[in-house]
Amino acid sequence: MLAVFGLWVLVVAAGVVAAELKVEDAVICTGVKDRAPEGAAEKFPAAVGKLFCFTRIVGGAEGTVVKHVWFHGDQQVDAIELKVGAASWRTFSSKTIDPKLTGAWKVEVQDAEGKALATLNFTIE
């Protein structure tokens, strides 16, 4: 009986460790108010000024880290490390957009090891 209980504890512990970190929601937007994105879109004018990458991460725990890696074309222009504080956590990063940097952009949401969890593509016109 004790051996069965010990095996059950190991199975339960393995399930907790195996919780998968994932991006439940993600948008590029013009603002964040009351912990919610505003002005979400896939195209923005060159004069937008500043954009936000808003994400809701699930499967994490306090101390988990995710990164928002901003790219203009294929060139990385910023990488912002964000701490996760719970199993379901909303967080965001922001980037000032130079009006001369038009064209294709993306933000890659990565785990602490650099594995891509989500990619958000958008355009500056």
Protein backbone atom coordinates (compact mmCIF):
# COMPACT_ATOMS: atom_id res chain seq x y z
CA MET A 1 0.00 0.00 0.00
CA LEU A 2 2.82 2.41 0.86
CA ALA A 3 4.52 1.63 -2.47
CA VAL A 4 1.31 2.43 -4.38
CA PHE A 5 0.93 5.73 -2.50
CA GLY A 6 4.58 6.59 -3.23
CA LEU A 7 4.05 5.89 -6.93
CA TRP A 8 0.91 8.06 -6.93
CA VAL A 9 2.88 10.95 -5.35
CA LEU A 10 5.54 10.64 -8.07
CA VAL A 11 2.90 10.67 -10.83
CA VAL A 12 1.19 13.74 -9.36
CA ALA A 13 4.52 15.54 -8.93
CA ALA A 14 5.49 14.72 -12.52
CA GLY A 15 2.21 16.23 -13.71
CA VAL A 16 2.93 19.45 -11.86
CA VAL A 17 6.43 19.70 -13.30
CA ALA A 18 5.17 18.94 -16.81
CA ALA A 19 2.76 21.92 -16.89
CA GLU A 20 3.28 23.52 -20.26
CA LEU A 21 4.05 27.21 -20.51
CA LYS A 22 1.99 28.73 -23.31
CA VAL A 23 0.62 31.98 -24.64
CA GLU A 24 -3.15 31.99 -24.22
CA ASP A 25 -3.75 35.47 -25.73
CA ALA A 26 -1.42 37.91 -27.48
CA VAL A 27 -1.91 41.13 -29.44
CA ILE A 28 -0.01 44.15 -30.65
CA CYS A 29 -1.86 47.26 -29.53
CA THR A 30 -1.61 51.01 -28.99
CA GLY A 31 -2.19 50.90 -25.24
CA VAL A 32 -2.95 48.92 -22.11
CA LYS A 33 -5.60 50.15 -19.68
CA ASP A 34 -6.91 48.33 -16.60
CA ARG A 35 -4.75 45.31 -17.54
CA ALA A 36 -6.45 44.98 -20.96
CA PRO A 37 -5.17 45.82 -24.46
CA GLU A 38 -6.57 48.77 -26.42
CA GLY A 39 -6.26 49.49 -30.13
CA ALA A 40 -5.25 45.97 -31.19
CA ALA A 41 -4.50 45.69 -34.91
CA GLU A 42 -2.14 44.20 -37.48
CA LYS A 43 -1.39 47.50 -39.28
CA PHE A 44 -0.35 50.80 -37.72
CA PRO A 45 0.58 54.22 -39.14
CA ALA A 46 4.26 55.26 -39.13
CA ALA A 47 3.37 58.05 -36.69
CA VAL A 48 1.97 55.59 -34.09
CA GLY A 49 4.73 56.54 -31.64
CA LYS A 50 4.61 53.56 -29.29
CA LEU A 51 3.23 50.03 -29.49
CA PHE A 52 2.62 47.37 -26.88
CA CYS A 53 2.85 43.59 -27.01
CA PHE A 54 0.23 42.28 -24.58
CA THR A 55 0.29 38.61 -23.61
CA ARG A 56 -1.55 36.28 -21.26
CA ILE A 57 0.73 33.45 -20.21
CA VAL A 58 -0.62 30.22 -18.70
CA GLY A 59 1.21 27.29 -17.14
CA GLY A 60 3.83 29.40 -15.44
CA ALA A 61 4.59 30.03 -11.79
CA GLU A 62 6.11 32.81 -9.76
CA GLY A 63 9.65 33.28 -11.01
CA THR A 64 8.99 32.02 -14.55
CA VAL A 65 10.47 34.32 -17.19
CA VAL A 66 9.25 35.06 -20.72
CA LYS A 67 10.79 37.36 -23.30
CA HIS A 68 9.25 39.67 -25.88
CA VAL A 69 11.75 39.88 -28.73
CA TRP A 70 10.95 42.71 -31.17
CA PHE A 71 12.07 42.47 -34.81
CA HIS A 72 11.97 44.92 -37.71
CA GLY A 73 12.16 42.65 -40.73
CA ASP A 74 14.68 39.98 -39.72
CA GLN A 75 16.72 42.30 -37.49
CA GLN A 76 16.23 42.08 -33.72
CA VAL A 77 15.73 45.57 -32.29
CA ASP A 78 14.87 44.79 -28.67
CA ALA A 79 14.45 41.95 -26.18
CA ILE A 80 12.49 42.52 -23.01
CA GLU A 81 12.50 40.00 -20.16
CA LEU A 82 9.25 39.76 -18.18
CA LYS A 83 8.60 37.88 -14.95
CA VAL A 84 5.49 35.74 -14.58
CA GLY A 85 3.85 35.87 -11.17
CA ALA A 86 1.18 33.14 -11.31
CA ALA A 87 -0.25 30.24 -13.35
CA SER A 88 -2.27 32.72 -15.44
CA TRP A 89 -0.50 36.04 -15.87
CA ARG A 90 -1.03 39.11 -18.05
CA THR A 91 2.03 41.10 -18.97
CA PHE A 92 3.19 43.48 -21.67
CA SER A 93 6.19 45.22 -23.15
CA SER A 94 6.34 48.41 -25.19
CA LYS A 95 8.49 49.75 -27.98
CA THR A 96 8.86 53.28 -29.31
CA ILE A 97 8.52 53.03 -33.08
CA ASP A 98 10.77 55.19 -35.25
CA PRO A 99 8.51 56.50 -38.05
CA LYS A 100 11.27 55.74 -40.58
CA LEU A 101 11.12 52.00 -39.77
CA THR A 102 8.14 51.05 -41.91
CA GLY A 103 7.40 47.59 -43.21
CA ALA A 104 7.15 44.16 -41.61
CA TRP A 105 7.61 43.76 -37.86
CA LYS A 106 7.11 40.91 -35.44
CA VAL A 107 7.32 40.14 -31.75
CA GLU A 108 8.36 36.65 -30.77
CA VAL A 109 7.26 35.53 -27.31
CA GLN A 110 9.92 33.17 -25.96
CA ASP A 111 10.46 31.11 -22.85
CA ALA A 112 13.60 31.61 -20.74
CA GLU A 113 15.57 29.20 -22.97
CA GLY A 114 14.64 31.10 -26.15
CA LYS A 115 11.98 28.66 -27.42
CA ALA A 116 9.32 30.51 -29.42
CA LEU A 117 5.90 30.26 -27.77
CA ALA A 118 4.10 32.64 -30.17
CA THR A 119 4.85 35.09 -32.97
CA LEU A 120 2.84 38.25 -33.64
CA ASN A 121 3.31 39.80 -37.08
CA PHE A 122 2.34 43.40 -37.81
CA THR A 123 3.05 46.17 -40.29
CA ILE A 124 4.05 49.81 -39.91
CA GLU A 125 2.77 51.79 -42.91
